[in-house]
Amino acid sequence: MSKSDPLINMPAANTEGKATVEQRGKVPPGIFIPTLYFAEGLPYTIVNQMSVVFYKNLSATNEFIGIATSFLYIPWMIKFLWAPFIDMYGTRRSWILVSQAVLAALTTSLSALALFPHALEI
């Protein structure tokens, strides 16, 4: 065998059933699948379930709650349309920072508007 043979650098087979040093530090990739789906579903659930409670506390009608919460599904429905723009323009970090600033401004304005007695009357 020559020195450039890849078999020379391979770890020896372990016949005792114990993990080798290289295998101990590695986490199987399948362990991240449940946490990924939880991380994706948590904001969706919070937005859609908590908005119903929020509107009910403001004494909104069921018709208004149905219409308003239906519009909250739109970002998840059109994700395939806006996701390529995130990859094409700017970095993901800049998109995250801008979206967090926008969400903070919207949350602050929504909470300030909720303090008025007739917040839902248009």
Protein backbone atom coordinates (compact mmCIF):
# COMPACT_ATOMS: atom_id res chain seq x y z
CA MET A 1 0.00 0.00 0.00
CA SER A 2 1.18 3.50 -0.77
CA LYS A 3 1.18 6.38 1.70
CA SER A 4 -1.67 8.07 -0.18
CA ASP A 5 -3.95 5.10 0.38
CA PRO A 6 -7.06 6.22 2.32
CA LEU A 7 -7.24 2.90 4.16
CA ILE A 8 -4.10 3.71 6.15
CA ASN A 9 -5.81 6.60 7.99
CA MET A 10 -9.00 4.69 8.80
CA PRO A 11 -9.63 3.82 12.46
CA ALA A 12 -9.29 0.20 13.40
CA ALA A 13 -12.48 -1.83 13.67
CA ASN A 14 -13.75 -2.12 17.21
CA THR A 15 -14.82 -5.68 17.94
CA GLU A 16 -15.63 -5.19 21.63
CA GLY A 17 -18.84 -3.23 21.01
CA LYS A 18 -17.51 -0.03 22.58
CA ALA A 19 -17.63 3.31 20.81
CA THR A 20 -14.35 4.56 19.44
CA VAL A 21 -13.01 8.00 20.32
CA GLU A 22 -14.21 9.38 16.97
CA GLN A 23 -17.75 8.05 17.49
CA ARG A 24 -18.27 9.33 21.06
CA GLY A 25 -18.43 13.04 20.22
CA LYS A 26 -20.77 12.73 17.25
CA VAL A 27 -24.51 13.19 17.58
CA PRO A 28 -26.67 11.38 15.02
CA PRO A 29 -28.35 13.90 12.69
CA GLY A 30 -31.75 12.29 13.19
CA ILE A 31 -31.88 13.63 16.74
CA PHE A 32 -32.39 17.17 15.40
CA ILE A 33 -35.50 16.39 13.35
CA PRO A 34 -38.00 16.59 16.26
CA THR A 35 -36.42 19.78 17.57
CA LEU A 36 -36.51 21.31 14.09
CA TYR A 37 -40.22 20.64 13.67
CA PHE A 38 -40.89 21.94 17.19
CA ALA A 39 -38.98 25.14 16.41
CA GLU A 40 -40.97 25.57 13.19
CA GLY A 41 -44.34 24.89 14.78
CA LEU A 42 -43.96 26.94 17.94
CA PRO A 43 -44.20 30.42 16.35
CA TYR A 44 -47.05 29.27 14.13
CA THR A 45 -48.99 27.98 17.14
CA ILE A 46 -48.28 31.04 19.25
CA VAL A 47 -49.39 33.44 16.54
CA ASN A 48 -52.57 31.60 15.65
CA GLN A 49 -53.72 30.46 19.09
CA MET A 50 -52.74 33.51 21.10
CA SER A 51 -54.30 35.90 18.61
CA VAL A 52 -57.69 34.31 19.27
CA VAL A 53 -57.26 34.85 23.01
CA PHE A 54 -56.04 38.40 22.41
CA TYR A 55 -59.04 39.30 20.26
CA LYS A 56 -61.47 37.64 22.67
CA ASN A 57 -60.04 39.70 25.53
CA LEU A 58 -60.69 42.79 23.42
CA SER A 59 -64.30 41.53 23.07
CA ALA A 60 -64.11 41.06 19.31
CA THR A 61 -66.84 39.20 17.47
CA ASN A 62 -66.27 35.66 16.26
CA GLU A 63 -66.60 36.83 12.66
CA PHE A 64 -63.81 39.39 13.11
CA ILE A 65 -61.60 36.82 14.87
CA GLY A 66 -62.11 34.36 12.03
CA ILE A 67 -61.20 36.90 9.37
CA ALA A 68 -58.25 38.37 11.26
CA THR A 69 -56.69 35.02 12.14
CA SER A 70 -57.18 33.78 8.57
CA PHE A 71 -54.86 36.54 7.38
CA LEU A 72 -52.21 35.35 9.85
CA TYR A 73 -51.78 32.14 7.82
CA ILE A 74 -50.61 34.05 4.75
CA PRO A 75 -46.87 34.27 5.61
CA TRP A 76 -46.70 30.49 5.99
CA MET A 77 -48.72 29.92 2.80
CA ILE A 78 -46.54 32.12 0.60
CA LYS A 79 -43.21 31.13 2.13
CA PHE A 80 -42.17 29.48 -1.13
CA LEU A 81 -42.54 32.89 -2.83
CA TRP A 82 -40.53 35.03 -0.42
CA ALA A 83 -37.91 32.48 0.65
CA PRO A 84 -35.84 32.81 -2.57
CA PHE A 85 -35.57 36.58 -2.04
CA ILE A 86 -33.94 35.96 1.32
CA ASP A 87 -31.31 33.81 -0.34
CA MET A 88 -30.75 36.21 -3.27
CA TYR A 89 -30.66 39.59 -1.54
CA GLY A 90 -28.54 40.27 1.51
CA THR A 91 -27.46 37.83 4.16
CA ARG A 92 -29.67 35.80 6.41
CA ARG A 93 -28.31 37.68 9.39
CA SER A 94 -29.41 41.03 7.94
CA TRP A 95 -32.87 39.63 7.14
CA ILE A 96 -33.22 38.32 10.68
CA LEU A 97 -32.14 41.63 12.23
CA VAL A 98 -34.49 43.67 10.03
CA SER A 99 -37.43 41.32 10.61
CA GLN A 100 -36.85 41.37 14.38
CA ALA A 101 -36.84 45.18 14.35
CA VAL A 102 -40.07 45.25 12.31
CA LEU A 103 -41.72 42.68 14.57
CA ALA A 104 -40.68 44.62 17.67
CA ALA A 105 -42.19 47.82 16.22
CA LEU A 106 -45.41 46.03 15.25
CA THR A 107 -45.70 44.35 18.65
CA THR A 108 -45.13 47.63 20.45
CA SER A 109 -47.71 49.45 18.34
CA LEU A 110 -50.23 46.64 18.71
CA SER A 111 -49.85 46.59 22.47
CA ALA A 112 -50.16 50.39 22.61
CA LEU A 113 -53.30 50.31 20.47
CA ALA A 114 -54.83 47.58 22.63
CA LEU A 115 -54.88 49.99 25.57
CA PHE A 116 -57.51 52.18 23.91
CA PRO A 117 -61.11 51.33 24.88
CA HIS A 118 -62.43 51.00 21.30
CA ALA A 119 -59.35 49.47 19.67
CA LEU A 120 -61.23 47.22 17.25
CA GLU A 121 -63.76 49.71 15.98
CA ILE A 122 -62.87 50.85 12.50
